[in-house]
């Protein structure tokens, strides 16, 4: 897993779900985030989000810009 990831907000936009849904999935272990050691932010890998979306038949919105966090 690379060091870069996307924030919970960007991940929610990629999957077209709410931030609350992302938090619930993380707590339940449905879609785990890794935590930034400096600030505790949840970070998601785009590749994992895309696999999750495909597996669960979620559609990624077009023209979706995502911000990467080192």
C-alpha atoms as a PDB file:
ATOM      1  CA  UNK A   1       0.000   0.000   0.000  1.00  0.00           C
ATOM      2  CA  UNK A   2       1.398   3.374  -0.982  1.00  0.00           C
ATOM      3  CA  UNK A   3       1.682   6.305   1.367  1.00  0.00           C
ATOM      4  CA  UNK A   4      -0.772   8.471  -0.534  1.00  0.00           C
ATOM      5  CA  UNK A   5      -4.468   8.262  -0.039  1.00  0.00           C
ATOM      6  CA  UNK A   6      -7.632  10.285  -0.286  1.00  0.00           C
ATOM      7  CA  UNK A   7      -9.558  11.880   2.533  1.00  0.00           C
ATOM      8  CA  UNK A   8     -12.876  10.546   3.770  1.00  0.00           C
ATOM      9  CA  UNK A   9     -14.629  13.405   1.964  1.00  0.00           C
ATOM     10  CA  UNK A  10     -13.015  12.505  -1.360  1.00  0.00           C
ATOM     11  CA  UNK A  11     -13.660   8.790  -0.804  1.00  0.00           C
ATOM     12  CA  UNK A  12     -17.332   9.515  -0.130  1.00  0.00           C
ATOM     13  CA  UNK A  13     -17.502  11.521  -3.352  1.00  0.00           C
ATOM     14  CA  UNK A  14     -15.850   8.715  -5.322  1.00  0.00           C
ATOM     15  CA  UNK A  15     -18.415   6.206  -4.033  1.00  0.00           C
ATOM     16  CA  UNK A  16     -21.314   8.686  -4.106  1.00  0.00           C
ATOM     17  CA  UNK A  17     -22.172   8.090  -0.444  1.00  0.00           C
ATOM     18  CA  UNK A  18     -22.177  10.319   2.630  1.00  0.00           C
ATOM     19  CA  UNK A  19     -19.227  10.849   4.952  1.00  0.00           C
ATOM     20  CA  UNK A  20     -21.336   9.305   7.733  1.00  0.00           C
ATOM     21  CA  UNK A  21     -21.698   6.147   5.632  1.00  0.00           C
ATOM     22  CA  UNK A  22     -17.927   6.007   5.178  1.00  0.00           C
ATOM     23  CA  UNK A  23     -17.418   6.333   8.950  1.00  0.00           C
ATOM     24  CA  UNK A  24     -19.975   3.597   9.628  1.00  0.00           C
ATOM     25  CA  UNK A  25     -18.342   1.265   7.102  1.00  0.00           C
ATOM     26  CA  UNK A  26     -14.956   1.871   8.738  1.00  0.00           C
ATOM     27  CA  UNK A  27     -16.339   1.131  12.236  1.00  0.00           C
ATOM     28  CA  UNK A  28     -18.067  -2.045  10.996  1.00  0.00           C
ATOM     29  CA  UNK A  29     -15.036  -3.201   9.008  1.00  0.00           C
ATOM     30  CA  UNK A  30     -16.882  -3.065   5.684  1.00  0.00           C
ATOM     31  CA  UNK A  31     -14.338  -0.686   4.142  1.00  0.00           C
ATOM     32  CA  UNK A  32     -11.370   0.014   6.373  1.00  0.00           C
ATOM     33  CA  UNK A  33      -9.372   3.220   6.256  1.00  0.00           C
ATOM     34  CA  UNK A  34      -5.819   3.637   7.367  1.00  0.00           C
ATOM     35  CA  UNK A  35      -5.089   6.523   9.688  1.00  0.00           C
ATOM     36  CA  UNK A  36      -2.645   9.350   9.125  1.00  0.00           C
ATOM     37  CA  UNK A  37      -0.223   9.081  12.035  1.00  0.00           C
ATOM     38  CA  UNK A  38       0.163  12.854  12.352  1.00  0.00           C
ATOM     39  CA  UNK A  39      -3.464  13.978  12.416  1.00  0.00           C
ATOM     40  CA  UNK A  40      -5.571  10.795  12.656  1.00  0.00           C
ATOM     41  CA  UNK A  41      -7.438  11.456   9.393  1.00  0.00           C
ATOM     42  CA  UNK A  42      -8.927   8.450   7.656  1.00  0.00           C
ATOM     43  CA  UNK A  43      -7.197   7.794   4.329  1.00  0.00           C
ATOM     44  CA  UNK A  44      -8.415   5.524   1.557  1.00  0.00           C
ATOM     45  CA  UNK A  45      -6.593   4.112  -1.438  1.00  0.00           C
ATOM     46  CA  UNK A  46      -8.258   4.820  -4.792  1.00  0.00           C
ATOM     47  CA  UNK A  47      -7.598   1.265  -5.974  1.00  0.00           C
ATOM     48  CA  UNK A  48      -9.418  -0.147  -2.935  1.00  0.00           C
ATOM     49  CA  UNK A  49     -12.329   2.253  -3.425  1.00  0.00           C
ATOM     50  CA  UNK A  50     -12.671   1.242  -7.072  1.00  0.00           C
ATOM     51  CA  UNK A  51     -12.613  -2.475  -6.190  1.00  0.00           C
ATOM     52  CA  UNK A  52     -15.192  -1.892  -3.475  1.00  0.00           C
ATOM     53  CA  UNK A  53     -17.419   0.071  -5.864  1.00  0.00           C
ATOM     54  CA  UNK A  54     -17.207  -2.657  -8.487  1.00  0.00           C
ATOM     55  CA  UNK A  55     -17.927  -5.431  -5.985  1.00  0.00           C
ATOM     56  CA  UNK A  56     -20.943  -3.601  -4.562  1.00  0.00           C
ATOM     57  CA  UNK A  57     -22.172  -2.218  -7.893  1.00  0.00           C
ATOM     58  CA  UNK A  58     -21.686   1.415  -6.905  1.00  0.00           C
ATOM     59  CA  UNK A  59     -21.256   3.964  -9.666  1.00  0.00           C
ATOM     60  CA  UNK A  60     -18.442   6.472  -9.508  1.00  0.00           C
ATOM     61  CA  UNK A  61     -19.577   9.952 -10.587  1.00  0.00           C
ATOM     62  CA  UNK A  62     -17.935  11.295 -13.736  1.00  0.00           C
ATOM     63  CA  UNK A  63     -15.569  14.285 -13.641  1.00  0.00           C
ATOM     64  CA  UNK A  64     -14.748  13.496 -10.047  1.00  0.00           C
ATOM     65  CA  UNK A  65     -11.606  15.280  -8.810  1.00  0.00           C
ATOM     66  CA  UNK A  66      -9.864  13.730  -5.844  1.00  0.00           C
ATOM     67  CA  UNK A  67      -7.281  15.317  -3.526  1.00  0.00           C
ATOM     68  CA  UNK A  68      -4.300  13.166  -2.514  1.00  0.00           C
ATOM     69  CA  UNK A  69      -2.686  13.403   0.933  1.00  0.00           C
ATOM     70  CA  UNK A  70       0.997  12.395   1.284  1.00  0.00           C
END
